[in-house]
N, C-alpha and C. Protein backbone atom coordinates (compact mmCIF):
# COMPACT_ATOMS: atom_id res chain seq x y z
N MET A 1 29.78 -29.99 -5.24
CA MET A 1 29.76 -28.54 -5.41
C MET A 1 28.69 -27.93 -4.51
N THR A 2 29.04 -26.86 -3.82
CA THR A 2 28.14 -26.24 -2.85
C THR A 2 26.87 -25.73 -3.51
N ARG A 3 25.75 -26.01 -2.85
CA ARG A 3 24.47 -25.43 -3.27
C ARG A 3 24.01 -24.46 -2.18
N PHE A 4 23.22 -23.48 -2.60
CA PHE A 4 22.88 -22.36 -1.73
C PHE A 4 21.37 -22.17 -1.60
N LEU A 5 20.91 -22.03 -0.36
CA LEU A 5 19.56 -21.53 -0.13
C LEU A 5 19.55 -20.04 -0.45
N ILE A 6 18.54 -19.59 -1.15
CA ILE A 6 18.45 -18.18 -1.52
C ILE A 6 17.86 -17.38 -0.37
N ASP A 7 18.51 -16.29 -0.03
CA ASP A 7 17.93 -15.31 0.88
C ASP A 7 17.45 -14.12 0.06
N LEU A 8 16.37 -13.49 0.51
CA LEU A 8 15.80 -12.37 -0.24
C LEU A 8 16.81 -11.25 -0.46
N SER A 9 17.73 -11.06 0.48
CA SER A 9 18.74 -10.01 0.34
C SER A 9 19.64 -10.26 -0.87
N ALA A 10 19.90 -11.52 -1.19
CA ALA A 10 20.71 -11.85 -2.37
C ALA A 10 19.88 -11.69 -3.64
N TRP A 11 18.66 -12.18 -3.61
CA TRP A 11 17.78 -12.05 -4.77
C TRP A 11 17.61 -10.58 -5.15
N ALA A 12 17.42 -9.72 -4.16
CA ALA A 12 17.17 -8.30 -4.42
C ALA A 12 18.37 -7.62 -5.07
N ARG A 13 19.56 -8.20 -4.90
CA ARG A 13 20.78 -7.59 -5.45
C ARG A 13 21.34 -8.40 -6.62
N SER A 14 20.60 -9.38 -7.08
CA SER A 14 21.11 -10.26 -8.14
C SER A 14 21.27 -9.55 -9.48
N GLY A 15 20.60 -8.43 -9.66
CA GLY A 15 20.74 -7.68 -10.90
C GLY A 15 21.78 -6.58 -10.85
N HIS A 16 22.44 -6.44 -9.72
CA HIS A 16 23.48 -5.41 -9.58
C HIS A 16 24.63 -5.71 -10.53
N ALA A 17 25.23 -4.67 -11.07
CA ALA A 17 26.32 -4.85 -12.03
C ALA A 17 27.45 -5.70 -11.48
N ASP A 18 27.69 -5.61 -10.16
CA ASP A 18 28.81 -6.34 -9.56
C ASP A 18 28.46 -7.78 -9.17
N THR A 19 27.18 -8.16 -9.28
CA THR A 19 26.78 -9.51 -8.87
C THR A 19 26.13 -10.31 -10.00
N ARG A 20 25.78 -9.61 -11.10
CA ARG A 20 25.00 -10.23 -12.17
C ARG A 20 25.65 -11.49 -12.73
N ASP A 21 26.95 -11.43 -12.97
CA ASP A 21 27.64 -12.58 -13.57
C ASP A 21 27.68 -13.76 -12.62
N ARG A 22 27.95 -13.48 -11.36
CA ARG A 22 28.00 -14.59 -10.39
C ARG A 22 26.64 -15.25 -10.26
N TRP A 23 25.60 -14.44 -10.16
CA TRP A 23 24.24 -14.98 -10.03
C TRP A 23 23.90 -15.84 -11.24
N ALA A 24 24.20 -15.36 -12.43
CA ALA A 24 23.91 -16.11 -13.65
C ALA A 24 24.65 -17.45 -13.67
N ALA A 25 25.91 -17.45 -13.21
CA ALA A 25 26.68 -18.68 -13.18
C ALA A 25 26.09 -19.68 -12.20
N LEU A 26 25.62 -19.21 -11.05
CA LEU A 26 24.99 -20.09 -10.08
C LEU A 26 23.68 -20.66 -10.62
N LEU A 27 22.94 -19.83 -11.35
CA LEU A 27 21.71 -20.32 -11.97
C LEU A 27 22.01 -21.40 -13.01
N ARG A 28 22.97 -21.13 -13.86
CA ARG A 28 23.32 -22.11 -14.90
C ARG A 28 23.83 -23.42 -14.29
N GLY A 29 24.51 -23.31 -13.19
CA GLY A 29 25.04 -24.50 -12.54
C GLY A 29 24.04 -25.21 -11.65
N ASP A 30 22.80 -24.73 -11.61
CA ASP A 30 21.75 -25.34 -10.79
C ASP A 30 22.17 -25.43 -9.32
N ARG A 31 22.75 -24.35 -8.84
CA ARG A 31 23.29 -24.35 -7.48
C ARG A 31 22.44 -23.55 -6.49
N LEU A 32 21.34 -22.96 -6.97
CA LEU A 32 20.48 -22.17 -6.10
C LEU A 32 19.23 -22.96 -5.74
N LEU A 33 18.89 -22.94 -4.47
CA LEU A 33 17.75 -23.70 -3.95
C LEU A 33 16.67 -22.76 -3.42
N CYS A 34 15.45 -23.02 -3.81
CA CYS A 34 14.31 -22.26 -3.29
C CYS A 34 13.78 -22.96 -2.04
N HIS A 35 13.03 -22.24 -1.25
CA HIS A 35 12.45 -22.79 -0.02
C HIS A 35 11.28 -21.90 0.38
N PRO A 36 10.37 -22.39 1.23
CA PRO A 36 9.15 -21.63 1.53
C PRO A 36 9.38 -20.28 2.19
N VAL A 37 10.41 -20.14 3.03
CA VAL A 37 10.62 -18.86 3.71
C VAL A 37 10.92 -17.78 2.68
N PHE A 38 11.84 -18.05 1.78
CA PHE A 38 12.17 -17.09 0.72
C PHE A 38 10.97 -16.85 -0.18
N ALA A 39 10.27 -17.92 -0.55
CA ALA A 39 9.14 -17.78 -1.47
C ALA A 39 8.05 -16.89 -0.89
N VAL A 40 7.73 -17.09 0.39
CA VAL A 40 6.69 -16.28 1.02
C VAL A 40 7.11 -14.81 1.06
N GLU A 41 8.37 -14.56 1.39
CA GLU A 41 8.85 -13.17 1.43
C GLU A 41 8.80 -12.54 0.04
N LEU A 42 9.25 -13.27 -0.97
CA LEU A 42 9.27 -12.72 -2.33
C LEU A 42 7.85 -12.49 -2.85
N LEU A 43 6.99 -13.48 -2.67
CA LEU A 43 5.63 -13.38 -3.21
C LEU A 43 4.82 -12.30 -2.51
N HIS A 44 5.22 -11.95 -1.30
CA HIS A 44 4.56 -10.85 -0.59
C HIS A 44 4.69 -9.54 -1.36
N SER A 45 5.74 -9.43 -2.18
CA SER A 45 5.99 -8.18 -2.91
C SER A 45 5.25 -8.12 -4.24
N ALA A 46 4.50 -9.16 -4.60
CA ALA A 46 3.77 -9.15 -5.88
C ALA A 46 2.81 -7.97 -5.93
N ILE A 47 2.75 -7.31 -7.08
CA ILE A 47 1.94 -6.09 -7.17
C ILE A 47 0.48 -6.36 -7.54
N ASP A 48 0.21 -7.55 -8.11
CA ASP A 48 -1.16 -7.90 -8.47
C ASP A 48 -1.22 -9.41 -8.69
N PRO A 49 -2.41 -9.98 -8.88
CA PRO A 49 -2.52 -11.45 -9.04
C PRO A 49 -1.67 -12.00 -10.19
N ALA A 50 -1.60 -11.28 -11.29
CA ALA A 50 -0.81 -11.77 -12.44
C ALA A 50 0.67 -11.82 -12.08
N ASP A 51 1.15 -10.81 -11.36
CA ASP A 51 2.55 -10.78 -10.95
C ASP A 51 2.84 -11.91 -9.96
N TYR A 52 1.88 -12.16 -9.08
CA TYR A 52 2.04 -13.25 -8.13
C TYR A 52 2.17 -14.59 -8.86
N ARG A 53 1.28 -14.83 -9.81
CA ARG A 53 1.33 -16.09 -10.56
C ARG A 53 2.63 -16.23 -11.33
N ARG A 54 3.11 -15.12 -11.91
CA ARG A 54 4.36 -15.17 -12.68
C ARG A 54 5.54 -15.51 -11.77
N LEU A 55 5.61 -14.83 -10.62
CA LEU A 55 6.70 -15.10 -9.68
C LEU A 55 6.66 -16.53 -9.18
N ARG A 56 5.45 -17.01 -8.84
CA ARG A 56 5.33 -18.38 -8.32
C ARG A 56 5.75 -19.39 -9.38
N GLU A 57 5.36 -19.15 -10.61
CA GLU A 57 5.73 -20.05 -11.70
C GLU A 57 7.25 -20.04 -11.90
N ASP A 58 7.86 -18.85 -11.82
CA ASP A 58 9.32 -18.76 -11.95
C ASP A 58 10.02 -19.58 -10.87
N LEU A 59 9.51 -19.51 -9.65
CA LEU A 59 10.13 -20.26 -8.56
C LEU A 59 9.93 -21.76 -8.73
N ASP A 60 8.72 -22.15 -9.11
CA ASP A 60 8.43 -23.58 -9.26
C ASP A 60 9.23 -24.21 -10.38
N GLN A 61 9.39 -23.50 -11.47
CA GLN A 61 10.04 -24.07 -12.65
C GLN A 61 11.56 -23.83 -12.68
N GLY A 62 12.03 -22.81 -11.96
CA GLY A 62 13.42 -22.44 -12.09
C GLY A 62 14.36 -23.02 -11.06
N PHE A 63 13.81 -23.61 -9.98
CA PHE A 63 14.67 -24.03 -8.87
C PHE A 63 14.23 -25.37 -8.29
N ASP A 64 15.20 -26.10 -7.75
CA ASP A 64 14.88 -27.20 -6.85
C ASP A 64 14.47 -26.59 -5.52
N TRP A 65 13.60 -27.30 -4.81
CA TRP A 65 13.08 -26.79 -3.54
C TRP A 65 13.58 -27.63 -2.37
N VAL A 66 13.73 -26.98 -1.22
CA VAL A 66 14.03 -27.63 0.05
C VAL A 66 12.91 -27.21 1.00
N TRP A 67 12.41 -28.18 1.78
CA TRP A 67 11.21 -27.92 2.59
C TRP A 67 11.50 -27.97 4.09
N LEU A 68 10.77 -27.15 4.83
CA LEU A 68 10.88 -27.13 6.28
C LEU A 68 10.01 -28.24 6.88
N ASP A 69 10.41 -28.71 8.07
CA ASP A 69 9.59 -29.67 8.82
C ASP A 69 9.86 -29.47 10.30
N GLY A 70 9.43 -30.43 11.11
CA GLY A 70 9.62 -30.31 12.55
C GLY A 70 11.07 -30.24 12.95
N GLU A 71 11.93 -30.96 12.24
CA GLU A 71 13.35 -30.92 12.56
C GLU A 71 13.92 -29.52 12.33
N THR A 72 13.46 -28.84 11.27
CA THR A 72 13.91 -27.48 11.01
C THR A 72 13.59 -26.58 12.20
N ALA A 73 12.36 -26.72 12.70
CA ALA A 73 11.93 -25.90 13.84
C ALA A 73 12.77 -26.20 15.08
N ASP A 74 13.06 -27.47 15.32
CA ASP A 74 13.88 -27.84 16.48
C ASP A 74 15.27 -27.22 16.38
N ILE A 75 15.86 -27.27 15.19
CA ILE A 75 17.20 -26.70 15.00
C ILE A 75 17.16 -25.19 15.23
N ALA A 76 16.14 -24.52 14.66
CA ALA A 76 16.02 -23.07 14.82
C ALA A 76 15.88 -22.68 16.29
N LEU A 77 15.03 -23.41 17.02
CA LEU A 77 14.85 -23.11 18.44
C LEU A 77 16.12 -23.38 19.23
N GLY A 78 16.83 -24.43 18.87
CA GLY A 78 18.09 -24.73 19.54
C GLY A 78 19.13 -23.64 19.32
N MET A 79 19.23 -23.15 18.08
CA MET A 79 20.19 -22.09 17.79
C MET A 79 19.79 -20.80 18.49
N GLN A 80 18.49 -20.50 18.49
CA GLN A 80 18.03 -19.29 19.16
C GLN A 80 18.33 -19.36 20.66
N HIS A 81 18.12 -20.53 21.25
CA HIS A 81 18.39 -20.71 22.68
C HIS A 81 19.87 -20.48 22.98
N LYS A 82 20.72 -21.05 22.16
CA LYS A 82 22.17 -20.90 22.37
C LYS A 82 22.57 -19.43 22.25
N MET A 83 22.00 -18.72 21.29
CA MET A 83 22.32 -17.31 21.11
C MET A 83 21.79 -16.48 22.29
N ALA A 84 20.57 -16.78 22.73
CA ALA A 84 19.94 -16.00 23.79
C ALA A 84 20.64 -16.17 25.12
N THR A 85 21.18 -17.36 25.36
CA THR A 85 21.82 -17.63 26.65
C THR A 85 23.32 -17.37 26.61
N GLY A 86 23.85 -17.10 25.43
CA GLY A 86 25.28 -16.90 25.31
C GLY A 86 25.72 -15.46 25.23
N ALA A 87 24.84 -14.58 24.73
CA ALA A 87 25.21 -13.17 24.59
C ALA A 87 23.93 -12.33 24.61
N PRO A 88 23.92 -11.21 25.33
CA PRO A 88 22.72 -10.38 25.41
C PRO A 88 22.24 -9.95 24.03
N THR A 89 20.97 -10.18 23.78
CA THR A 89 20.25 -9.76 22.57
C THR A 89 20.74 -10.44 21.28
N ALA A 90 21.67 -11.40 21.38
CA ALA A 90 22.18 -12.03 20.15
C ALA A 90 21.09 -12.78 19.41
N GLN A 91 20.03 -13.21 20.14
CA GLN A 91 18.96 -13.96 19.50
C GLN A 91 18.03 -13.08 18.68
N ARG A 92 18.22 -11.76 18.73
CA ARG A 92 17.28 -10.86 18.08
C ARG A 92 17.63 -10.65 16.60
N VAL A 93 17.81 -11.76 15.91
CA VAL A 93 17.95 -11.74 14.46
C VAL A 93 16.58 -11.97 13.86
N LYS A 94 16.43 -11.71 12.59
CA LYS A 94 15.14 -11.88 11.94
C LYS A 94 14.72 -13.35 11.96
N THR A 95 13.44 -13.58 12.25
CA THR A 95 12.92 -14.94 12.32
C THR A 95 13.16 -15.70 11.02
N ALA A 96 12.94 -15.03 9.90
CA ALA A 96 13.13 -15.69 8.60
C ALA A 96 14.58 -16.14 8.45
N ASP A 97 15.53 -15.31 8.87
CA ASP A 97 16.95 -15.67 8.75
C ASP A 97 17.29 -16.87 9.61
N LEU A 98 16.71 -16.92 10.80
CA LEU A 98 16.96 -18.05 11.70
C LEU A 98 16.43 -19.35 11.10
N LEU A 99 15.24 -19.30 10.50
CA LEU A 99 14.67 -20.50 9.88
C LEU A 99 15.48 -20.94 8.67
N ILE A 100 15.95 -19.98 7.88
CA ILE A 100 16.76 -20.33 6.71
C ILE A 100 18.09 -20.95 7.15
N ALA A 101 18.70 -20.39 8.18
CA ALA A 101 19.94 -20.96 8.70
C ALA A 101 19.71 -22.38 9.21
N ALA A 102 18.60 -22.59 9.90
CA ALA A 102 18.28 -23.93 10.40
C ALA A 102 18.09 -24.91 9.24
N LEU A 103 17.46 -24.45 8.18
CA LEU A 103 17.25 -25.29 7.00
C LEU A 103 18.60 -25.65 6.37
N ALA A 104 19.52 -24.71 6.37
CA ALA A 104 20.86 -24.97 5.83
C ALA A 104 21.59 -26.02 6.66
N VAL A 105 21.48 -25.90 7.99
CA VAL A 105 22.11 -26.89 8.88
C VAL A 105 21.50 -28.27 8.61
N GLN A 106 20.19 -28.31 8.54
CA GLN A 106 19.48 -29.58 8.38
C GLN A 106 19.87 -30.31 7.09
N HIS A 107 20.03 -29.56 6.01
CA HIS A 107 20.25 -30.18 4.70
C HIS A 107 21.71 -30.10 4.22
N GLY A 108 22.58 -29.54 5.06
CA GLY A 108 23.99 -29.50 4.70
C GLY A 108 24.30 -28.65 3.50
N VAL A 109 23.60 -27.53 3.39
CA VAL A 109 23.84 -26.60 2.28
C VAL A 109 24.23 -25.24 2.86
N ALA A 110 24.61 -24.31 1.99
CA ALA A 110 25.01 -22.97 2.41
C ALA A 110 23.84 -22.00 2.23
N VAL A 111 24.01 -20.78 2.73
CA VAL A 111 23.05 -19.69 2.52
C VAL A 111 23.74 -18.59 1.73
N LEU A 112 23.11 -18.17 0.64
CA LEU A 112 23.62 -17.05 -0.16
C LEU A 112 22.82 -15.82 0.21
N HIS A 113 23.51 -14.77 0.63
CA HIS A 113 22.82 -13.63 1.22
C HIS A 113 23.65 -12.36 1.07
N TYR A 114 23.05 -11.25 1.53
CA TYR A 114 23.77 -9.99 1.72
C TYR A 114 23.21 -9.41 3.02
N ASP A 115 23.48 -10.11 4.13
CA ASP A 115 22.81 -9.83 5.40
C ASP A 115 23.68 -10.35 6.54
N SER A 116 24.12 -9.47 7.42
CA SER A 116 25.04 -9.85 8.49
C SER A 116 24.43 -10.77 9.53
N ASP A 117 23.10 -10.91 9.57
CA ASP A 117 22.47 -11.81 10.52
C ASP A 117 23.03 -13.23 10.40
N TYR A 118 23.32 -13.66 9.17
CA TYR A 118 23.76 -15.05 8.99
C TYR A 118 25.13 -15.30 9.60
N ASP A 119 26.00 -14.34 9.57
CA ASP A 119 27.29 -14.50 10.22
C ASP A 119 27.10 -14.62 11.73
N LEU A 120 26.18 -13.83 12.28
CA LEU A 120 25.91 -13.88 13.71
C LEU A 120 25.33 -15.23 14.10
N ILE A 121 24.38 -15.72 13.31
CA ILE A 121 23.77 -17.03 13.60
C ILE A 121 24.82 -18.14 13.51
N ARG A 122 25.64 -18.08 12.49
CA ARG A 122 26.69 -19.10 12.32
C ARG A 122 27.66 -19.08 13.50
N ASP A 123 28.06 -17.88 13.91
CA ASP A 123 29.10 -17.76 14.92
C ASP A 123 28.59 -18.02 16.33
N ARG A 124 27.31 -17.72 16.60
CA ARG A 124 26.81 -17.81 17.97
C ARG A 124 25.67 -18.80 18.15
N GLY A 125 25.17 -19.35 17.04
CA GLY A 125 24.02 -20.24 17.16
C GLY A 125 24.37 -21.71 17.31
N GLY A 126 25.62 -22.05 17.12
CA GLY A 126 26.03 -23.43 17.31
C GLY A 126 25.71 -24.36 16.17
N GLY A 127 25.12 -23.85 15.10
CA GLY A 127 24.82 -24.69 13.94
C GLY A 127 25.93 -24.58 12.92
N SER A 128 26.16 -25.67 12.20
CA SER A 128 27.25 -25.67 11.21
C SER A 128 26.67 -25.48 9.81
N PHE A 129 26.91 -24.30 9.24
CA PHE A 129 26.51 -24.03 7.86
C PHE A 129 27.41 -22.94 7.31
N ASP A 130 27.50 -22.88 6.00
CA ASP A 130 28.32 -21.84 5.35
C ASP A 130 27.47 -20.60 5.10
N SER A 131 27.95 -19.48 5.59
CA SER A 131 27.30 -18.18 5.39
C SER A 131 28.06 -17.47 4.27
N GLU A 132 27.45 -17.39 3.10
CA GLU A 132 28.14 -16.90 1.91
C GLU A 132 27.53 -15.57 1.44
N TRP A 133 28.35 -14.52 1.44
CA TRP A 133 27.89 -13.23 0.95
C TRP A 133 27.87 -13.25 -0.58
N LEU A 134 26.80 -12.73 -1.17
CA LEU A 134 26.72 -12.62 -2.63
C LEU A 134 27.86 -11.75 -3.16
N ALA A 135 28.19 -10.72 -2.41
CA ALA A 135 29.32 -9.83 -2.70
C ALA A 135 29.91 -9.42 -1.37
N GLN A 136 31.12 -8.91 -1.39
CA GLN A 136 31.77 -8.51 -0.15
C GLN A 136 30.88 -7.55 0.63
N ARG A 137 30.82 -7.79 1.93
CA ARG A 137 29.97 -6.96 2.79
C ARG A 137 30.30 -5.47 2.61
N GLY A 138 29.26 -4.68 2.38
CA GLY A 138 29.42 -3.25 2.22
C GLY A 138 29.76 -2.79 0.82
N SER A 139 30.06 -3.75 -0.07
CA SER A 139 30.51 -3.36 -1.41
C SER A 139 29.38 -2.91 -2.33
N LEU A 140 28.14 -3.23 -1.96
CA LEU A 140 27.00 -2.88 -2.82
C LEU A 140 26.21 -1.70 -2.26
N GLU A 141 26.75 -1.04 -1.26
CA GLU A 141 26.02 0.06 -0.63
C GLU A 141 26.12 1.31 -1.49
N GLY A 142 25.06 1.64 -2.16
CA GLY A 142 25.00 2.87 -2.93
C GLY A 142 24.37 3.98 -2.12
N ALA A 143 24.30 5.14 -2.70
CA ALA A 143 23.72 6.29 -2.00
C ALA A 143 22.27 6.04 -1.62
N LYS A 144 21.54 5.26 -2.46
CA LYS A 144 20.13 5.00 -2.17
C LYS A 144 19.97 4.08 -0.96
N GLU A 145 20.89 3.14 -0.78
CA GLU A 145 20.75 2.17 0.29
C GLU A 145 21.28 2.68 1.62
N ALA A 146 22.17 3.64 1.61
CA ALA A 146 22.82 4.08 2.84
C ALA A 146 21.83 4.54 3.92
N PRO A 147 20.83 5.39 3.62
CA PRO A 147 19.91 5.82 4.68
C PRO A 147 19.13 4.66 5.28
N ALA A 148 18.65 3.73 4.45
CA ALA A 148 17.89 2.59 4.97
C ALA A 148 18.77 1.72 5.85
N ASN A 149 20.01 1.51 5.44
CA ASN A 149 20.92 0.71 6.25
C ASN A 149 21.23 1.38 7.57
N ALA A 150 21.38 2.71 7.54
CA ALA A 150 21.64 3.44 8.77
C ALA A 150 20.45 3.33 9.72
N ARG A 151 19.22 3.42 9.18
CA ARG A 151 18.03 3.30 10.02
C ARG A 151 17.96 1.92 10.67
N ARG A 152 18.26 0.88 9.89
CA ARG A 152 18.25 -0.47 10.46
C ARG A 152 19.29 -0.60 11.57
N ALA A 153 20.47 -0.03 11.35
CA ALA A 153 21.53 -0.12 12.36
C ALA A 153 21.12 0.61 13.64
N TYR A 154 20.54 1.81 13.50
CA TYR A 154 20.11 2.56 14.68
C TYR A 154 18.97 1.84 15.40
N SER A 155 18.04 1.30 14.63
CA SER A 155 16.92 0.58 15.23
C SER A 155 17.40 -0.63 16.02
N LYS A 156 18.35 -1.35 15.44
CA LYS A 156 18.90 -2.52 16.14
C LYS A 156 19.63 -2.10 17.41
N ALA A 157 20.42 -1.04 17.32
CA ALA A 157 21.16 -0.56 18.49
C ALA A 157 20.20 -0.10 19.59
N PHE A 158 19.10 0.56 19.18
CA PHE A 158 18.11 1.01 20.15
C PHE A 158 17.48 -0.19 20.86
N GLY A 159 17.10 -1.20 20.10
CA GLY A 159 16.51 -2.40 20.69
C GLY A 159 17.44 -3.10 21.64
N GLN A 160 18.72 -3.16 21.29
CA GLN A 160 19.70 -3.81 22.15
C GLN A 160 19.83 -3.10 23.49
N ARG A 161 19.62 -1.80 23.50
CA ARG A 161 19.71 -1.05 24.75
C ARG A 161 18.43 -1.14 25.56
N MET A 162 17.28 -1.01 24.90
CA MET A 162 16.02 -1.02 25.63
C MET A 162 15.75 -2.37 26.29
N VAL A 163 16.18 -3.45 25.63
CA VAL A 163 15.88 -4.78 26.15
C VAL A 163 16.62 -5.06 27.46
N GLN A 164 17.66 -4.29 27.74
CA GLN A 164 18.41 -4.49 28.98
C GLN A 164 17.77 -3.78 30.18
N LEU A 165 16.78 -2.95 29.93
CA LEU A 165 16.09 -2.24 31.02
C LEU A 165 15.00 -3.14 31.57
N ARG A 166 15.30 -3.83 32.64
CA ARG A 166 14.39 -4.83 33.20
C ARG A 166 13.61 -4.25 34.39
N ASN A 167 12.64 -5.06 34.86
CA ASN A 167 11.82 -4.69 36.03
C ASN A 167 11.16 -3.33 35.82
N ASP A 168 10.62 -3.13 34.63
CA ASP A 168 9.87 -1.91 34.29
C ASP A 168 10.74 -0.66 34.25
N ALA A 169 12.06 -0.81 34.24
CA ALA A 169 12.92 0.36 34.14
C ALA A 169 12.70 1.10 32.82
N ASP A 170 12.26 0.36 31.79
CA ASP A 170 12.01 1.02 30.51
C ASP A 170 10.89 2.05 30.62
N LEU A 171 9.97 1.85 31.57
CA LEU A 171 8.86 2.80 31.73
C LEU A 171 9.34 4.15 32.26
N GLU A 172 10.53 4.18 32.85
CA GLU A 172 11.12 5.44 33.27
C GLU A 172 11.79 6.16 32.09
N VAL A 173 12.25 5.37 31.12
CA VAL A 173 13.00 5.93 30.00
C VAL A 173 12.08 6.44 28.90
N TRP A 174 10.97 5.72 28.65
CA TRP A 174 10.08 6.09 27.55
C TRP A 174 9.62 7.54 27.60
N PRO A 175 9.14 8.05 28.77
CA PRO A 175 8.69 9.46 28.80
C PRO A 175 9.79 10.43 28.40
N GLU A 176 11.03 10.13 28.82
CA GLU A 176 12.15 11.01 28.45
C GLU A 176 12.38 10.99 26.94
N LEU A 177 12.27 9.80 26.34
CA LEU A 177 12.44 9.68 24.90
C LEU A 177 11.34 10.42 24.14
N ILE A 178 10.10 10.29 24.62
CA ILE A 178 8.98 10.97 23.97
C ILE A 178 9.16 12.49 24.06
N ASP A 179 9.57 12.98 25.23
CA ASP A 179 9.81 14.43 25.39
C ASP A 179 10.89 14.90 24.44
N TRP A 180 11.97 14.12 24.34
CA TRP A 180 13.08 14.49 23.44
C TRP A 180 12.60 14.53 21.99
N MET A 181 11.80 13.54 21.60
CA MET A 181 11.29 13.52 20.22
C MET A 181 10.35 14.70 19.98
N ASN A 182 9.51 15.01 20.96
CA ASN A 182 8.60 16.16 20.81
C ASN A 182 9.38 17.45 20.61
N ASP A 183 10.45 17.64 21.38
CA ASP A 183 11.28 18.84 21.24
C ASP A 183 11.86 18.93 19.83
N ASN A 184 12.30 17.78 19.29
CA ASN A 184 12.87 17.78 17.94
C ASN A 184 11.82 18.05 16.87
N LEU A 185 10.59 17.56 17.08
CA LEU A 185 9.51 17.84 16.14
C LEU A 185 9.19 19.34 16.13
N VAL A 186 9.08 19.92 17.32
CA VAL A 186 8.78 21.34 17.43
C VAL A 186 9.89 22.17 16.78
N ALA A 187 11.14 21.80 17.03
CA ALA A 187 12.27 22.55 16.46
C ALA A 187 12.25 22.52 14.94
N ARG A 188 11.64 21.48 14.37
CA ARG A 188 11.57 21.35 12.90
C ARG A 188 10.24 21.85 12.34
N GLY A 189 9.42 22.42 13.20
CA GLY A 189 8.15 22.97 12.76
C GLY A 189 7.13 21.91 12.40
N LEU A 190 7.25 20.73 13.00
CA LEU A 190 6.35 19.61 12.69
C LEU A 190 5.32 19.45 13.80
N ASP A 191 4.23 18.75 13.45
CA ASP A 191 3.16 18.52 14.42
C ASP A 191 3.60 17.49 15.48
N VAL A 192 3.19 17.73 16.71
CA VAL A 192 3.46 16.79 17.79
C VAL A 192 2.21 15.93 17.99
N PRO A 193 2.31 14.61 17.83
CA PRO A 193 1.15 13.74 18.02
C PRO A 193 0.69 13.77 19.48
N PRO A 194 -0.52 13.26 19.73
CA PRO A 194 -0.99 13.19 21.13
C PRO A 194 -0.06 12.30 21.97
N PRO A 195 -0.06 12.51 23.26
CA PRO A 195 0.78 11.67 24.13
C PRO A 195 0.30 10.22 24.11
N PRO A 196 1.15 9.29 24.54
CA PRO A 196 0.74 7.88 24.57
C PRO A 196 -0.47 7.67 25.45
N ASP A 197 -1.36 6.79 25.04
CA ASP A 197 -2.56 6.48 25.80
C ASP A 197 -2.22 5.42 26.84
N VAL A 198 -1.47 5.81 27.85
CA VAL A 198 -1.02 4.86 28.88
C VAL A 198 -2.14 4.67 29.89
N PRO A 199 -2.55 3.42 30.13
CA PRO A 199 -3.66 3.19 31.07
C PRO A 199 -3.27 3.54 32.51
């Protein structure tokens, strides 16, 4: 029976009405695996020392663990190389996601997530692992999540375009972008910050 490395995106949505039953069934079946990448990300959100200790204890007692080593790093670098040389900007997935995918390849397990990076890594990274959505992609997008998701999409699209401006061509574009942003701030009655401190 398939076991899953937990991604923070799945954990964050495990209490959703549409995912609660599935998450509980996976917990009861001992099919969820903890690992240091997820643990570090989750524990970063602790609000105080007591909350940190509680979360750490929950992870230690509630899950089997899978650990990273040198082989994990080699797999991650290999997948990143394949993505970087196969398609422009394809390697620009989150570092944590790449390490988790590498861990899945290494140990022959799947990744449970709600994050399209894993499909990209699976399809273009050359590693063999199952990318499993906690729920159908887009099905958990509520009104609260839509603006954040839109910002991430725009930010990613912006990065994909800027990275193609080589040989300092980006230095020609930045002033135009700053001017455009300044015009929009003024039009909205907002303060315009000082210009960039370019040496």
